[in-house]
Amino acid sequence: MAVTEITLDSILTTKYQTGTTPAGGPETRKKSLNYVKPTATSQDIYDVAAALSSLSQYPLLNVVLGKNWELINE
C-alpha cells in the first residue's frame, strides 16, 4: 500500500531581534503568516519574508516554513 500526501496549508514564521536581555543575550520576537499558498516556491516565500522584514525596524534573524500534510493510505 502506498501513502499519498496532500498539502493542506503552510505557516511562515519570521524571527526578529528586538533588543538585548539584561544578561546581554538577544531578545527575540516571532511573527507568523498563515495560509501560505501550497504552490509557492521556497524562493518566493523567502523573498516575501525579506520584503516584509524590510518594513520592520528590527533585524530579521531567520525564516521558517512549516507545512502540514494529510497522509492517506491507499
N, C-alpha and C. Protein backbone atom coordinates (compact mmCIF):
# COMPACT_ATOMS: atom_id res chain seq x y z
N MET A 1 0.84 -1.17 0.00
CA MET A 1 0.00 0.00 0.00
C MET A 1 0.89 1.25 0.00
N ALA A 2 0.52 2.19 -0.81
CA ALA A 2 1.27 3.44 -0.92
C ALA A 2 0.56 4.54 -0.13
N VAL A 3 1.36 5.40 0.44
CA VAL A 3 0.82 6.54 1.18
C VAL A 3 0.89 7.77 0.27
N THR A 4 -0.22 8.46 0.17
CA THR A 4 -0.30 9.69 -0.60
C THR A 4 -0.36 10.86 0.36
N GLU A 5 0.38 11.90 0.07
CA GLU A 5 0.34 13.08 0.93
C GLU A 5 -0.33 14.23 0.18
N ILE A 6 -1.22 14.91 0.87
CA ILE A 6 -1.94 16.05 0.33
C ILE A 6 -1.54 17.27 1.16
N THR A 7 -1.01 18.29 0.50
CA THR A 7 -0.61 19.50 1.21
C THR A 7 -1.85 20.26 1.66
N LEU A 8 -1.93 20.56 2.94
CA LEU A 8 -3.08 21.28 3.49
C LEU A 8 -2.83 22.78 3.54
N ASP A 9 -1.87 23.20 4.33
CA ASP A 9 -1.54 24.61 4.43
C ASP A 9 -0.12 24.77 4.97
N SER A 10 0.36 25.99 4.95
CA SER A 10 1.70 26.27 5.43
C SER A 10 1.66 27.51 6.31
N ILE A 11 2.66 27.61 7.19
CA ILE A 11 2.78 28.77 8.07
C ILE A 11 4.20 29.31 7.94
N LEU A 12 4.30 30.60 7.61
CA LEU A 12 5.58 31.27 7.51
C LEU A 12 5.84 31.98 8.83
N THR A 13 6.97 31.70 9.45
CA THR A 13 7.33 32.33 10.72
C THR A 13 8.65 33.05 10.56
N THR A 14 8.69 34.31 10.97
CA THR A 14 9.93 35.08 10.93
C THR A 14 10.31 35.45 12.37
N LYS A 15 11.61 35.47 12.63
CA LYS A 15 12.10 35.82 13.97
C LYS A 15 12.96 37.08 13.86
N TYR A 16 12.69 38.03 14.74
CA TYR A 16 13.39 39.30 14.75
C TYR A 16 14.10 39.50 16.09
N GLN A 17 15.22 40.21 16.05
CA GLN A 17 15.89 40.58 17.30
C GLN A 17 15.39 41.96 17.68
N THR A 18 14.70 42.03 18.82
CA THR A 18 14.09 43.29 19.24
C THR A 18 14.90 44.03 20.29
N GLY A 19 15.99 43.46 20.72
CA GLY A 19 16.83 44.10 21.72
C GLY A 19 17.75 43.08 22.36
N THR A 20 18.23 43.44 23.55
CA THR A 20 19.09 42.53 24.30
C THR A 20 18.56 42.39 25.72
N THR A 21 18.81 41.23 26.28
CA THR A 21 18.39 40.97 27.66
C THR A 21 19.39 41.64 28.60
N PRO A 22 19.04 41.76 29.88
CA PRO A 22 19.99 42.32 30.84
C PRO A 22 21.30 41.54 30.91
N ALA A 23 21.24 40.25 30.58
CA ALA A 23 22.46 39.43 30.59
C ALA A 23 23.28 39.60 29.31
N GLY A 24 22.73 40.33 28.35
CA GLY A 24 23.47 40.58 27.11
C GLY A 24 23.09 39.68 25.94
N GLY A 25 22.18 38.76 26.16
CA GLY A 25 21.73 37.88 25.08
C GLY A 25 20.68 38.56 24.22
N PRO A 26 20.39 37.97 23.07
CA PRO A 26 19.40 38.58 22.18
C PRO A 26 17.97 38.38 22.69
N GLU A 27 17.17 39.42 22.58
CA GLU A 27 15.74 39.33 22.87
C GLU A 27 15.04 39.23 21.52
N THR A 28 14.21 38.19 21.34
CA THR A 28 13.62 37.95 20.03
C THR A 28 12.10 37.93 20.10
N ARG A 29 11.50 38.16 18.95
CA ARG A 29 10.05 38.06 18.78
C ARG A 29 9.79 37.34 17.46
N LYS A 30 8.67 36.61 17.41
CA LYS A 30 8.28 35.90 16.19
C LYS A 30 6.99 36.48 15.65
N LYS A 31 6.87 36.47 14.34
CA LYS A 31 5.65 36.85 13.65
C LYS A 31 5.32 35.74 12.67
N SER A 32 4.03 35.42 12.55
CA SER A 32 3.61 34.32 11.67
C SER A 32 2.61 34.81 10.64
N LEU A 33 2.64 34.16 9.50
CA LEU A 33 1.69 34.40 8.41
C LEU A 33 1.11 33.05 8.03
N ASN A 34 -0.19 32.88 8.25
CA ASN A 34 -0.86 31.60 7.98
C ASN A 34 -1.37 31.53 6.55
N TYR A 35 -1.71 30.32 6.15
CA TYR A 35 -2.34 30.04 4.86
C TYR A 35 -1.46 30.45 3.67
N VAL A 36 -0.19 30.10 3.75
CA VAL A 36 0.71 30.33 2.63
C VAL A 36 0.30 29.39 1.49
N LYS A 37 0.25 29.92 0.30
CA LYS A 37 -0.18 29.15 -0.86
C LYS A 37 0.72 27.91 -1.04
N PRO A 38 0.14 26.72 -1.14
CA PRO A 38 0.96 25.50 -1.23
C PRO A 38 1.78 25.41 -2.51
N THR A 39 1.41 26.17 -3.54
CA THR A 39 2.16 26.12 -4.80
C THR A 39 3.31 27.12 -4.84
N ALA A 40 3.45 27.95 -3.81
CA ALA A 40 4.52 28.94 -3.78
C ALA A 40 5.87 28.25 -3.61
N THR A 41 6.88 28.73 -4.33
CA THR A 41 8.22 28.15 -4.21
C THR A 41 8.91 28.67 -2.95
N SER A 42 9.91 27.95 -2.50
CA SER A 42 10.67 28.36 -1.32
C SER A 42 11.33 29.71 -1.54
N GLN A 43 11.85 29.94 -2.73
CA GLN A 43 12.49 31.22 -3.03
C GLN A 43 11.49 32.37 -2.96
N ASP A 44 10.30 32.17 -3.52
CA ASP A 44 9.27 33.21 -3.47
C ASP A 44 8.86 33.52 -2.04
N ILE A 45 8.71 32.48 -1.24
CA ILE A 45 8.31 32.67 0.16
C ILE A 45 9.39 33.43 0.92
N TYR A 46 10.66 33.08 0.69
CA TYR A 46 11.75 33.79 1.36
C TYR A 46 11.79 35.25 0.91
N ASP A 47 11.60 35.48 -0.39
CA ASP A 47 11.63 36.85 -0.91
C ASP A 47 10.53 37.70 -0.28
N VAL A 48 9.35 37.13 -0.10
CA VAL A 48 8.25 37.86 0.54
C VAL A 48 8.59 38.15 2.00
N ALA A 49 9.15 37.17 2.70
CA ALA A 49 9.54 37.37 4.11
C ALA A 49 10.59 38.48 4.21
N ALA A 50 11.55 38.48 3.30
CA ALA A 50 12.60 39.51 3.31
C ALA A 50 12.00 40.89 3.01
N ALA A 51 11.07 40.95 2.06
CA ALA A 51 10.44 42.22 1.72
C ALA A 51 9.62 42.75 2.90
N LEU A 52 8.86 41.87 3.55
CA LEU A 52 8.09 42.29 4.72
C LEU A 52 9.00 42.73 5.87
N SER A 53 10.11 42.03 6.05
CA SER A 53 11.02 42.39 7.14
C SER A 53 11.70 43.73 6.90
N SER A 54 11.80 44.13 5.64
CA SER A 54 12.41 45.44 5.35
C SER A 54 11.54 46.57 5.87
N LEU A 55 10.26 46.30 6.16
CA LEU A 55 9.36 47.30 6.72
C LEU A 55 9.49 47.39 8.24
N SER A 56 10.20 46.45 8.84
CA SER A 56 10.36 46.40 10.29
C SER A 56 11.58 47.20 10.72
N GLN A 57 11.54 47.69 11.94
CA GLN A 57 12.69 48.39 12.48
C GLN A 57 13.72 47.43 13.08
N TYR A 58 13.37 46.14 13.18
CA TYR A 58 14.24 45.15 13.79
C TYR A 58 14.87 44.26 12.73
N PRO A 59 16.10 43.78 13.00
CA PRO A 59 16.75 42.88 12.03
C PRO A 59 16.12 41.48 12.02
N LEU A 60 16.01 40.92 10.83
CA LEU A 60 15.48 39.57 10.64
C LEU A 60 16.55 38.55 10.98
N LEU A 61 16.21 37.59 11.85
CA LEU A 61 17.17 36.56 12.23
C LEU A 61 17.01 35.29 11.40
N ASN A 62 15.77 34.83 11.22
CA ASN A 62 15.56 33.64 10.39
C ASN A 62 14.12 33.55 9.89
N VAL A 63 13.96 32.68 8.91
CA VAL A 63 12.66 32.45 8.28
C VAL A 63 12.40 30.94 8.34
N VAL A 64 11.23 30.55 8.84
CA VAL A 64 10.87 29.14 8.95
C VAL A 64 9.54 28.92 8.24
N LEU A 65 9.47 27.86 7.45
CA LEU A 65 8.22 27.50 6.78
C LEU A 65 7.78 26.15 7.32
N GLY A 66 6.61 26.13 7.95
CA GLY A 66 6.03 24.89 8.47
C GLY A 66 4.92 24.44 7.54
N LYS A 67 4.97 23.17 7.14
CA LYS A 67 3.95 22.64 6.23
C LYS A 67 3.16 21.54 6.93
N ASN A 68 1.89 21.47 6.62
CA ASN A 68 1.00 20.44 7.15
C ASN A 68 0.48 19.61 5.99
N TRP A 69 0.51 18.28 6.17
CA TRP A 69 0.03 17.36 5.15
C TRP A 69 -1.00 16.42 5.75
N GLU A 70 -1.87 15.94 4.90
CA GLU A 70 -2.75 14.84 5.25
C GLU A 70 -2.18 13.60 4.58
N LEU A 71 -1.98 12.54 5.33
CA LEU A 71 -1.45 11.30 4.78
C LEU A 71 -2.59 10.32 4.62
N ILE A 72 -2.71 9.78 3.40
CA ILE A 72 -3.78 8.83 3.08
C ILE A 72 -3.15 7.51 2.63
N ASN A 73 -3.53 6.44 3.28
CA ASN A 73 -3.03 5.12 2.93
C ASN A 73 -3.94 4.53 1.86
N GLU A 74 -3.39 4.31 0.68
CA GLU A 74 -4.20 3.79 -0.43
C GLU A 74 -3.81 2.38 -0.77
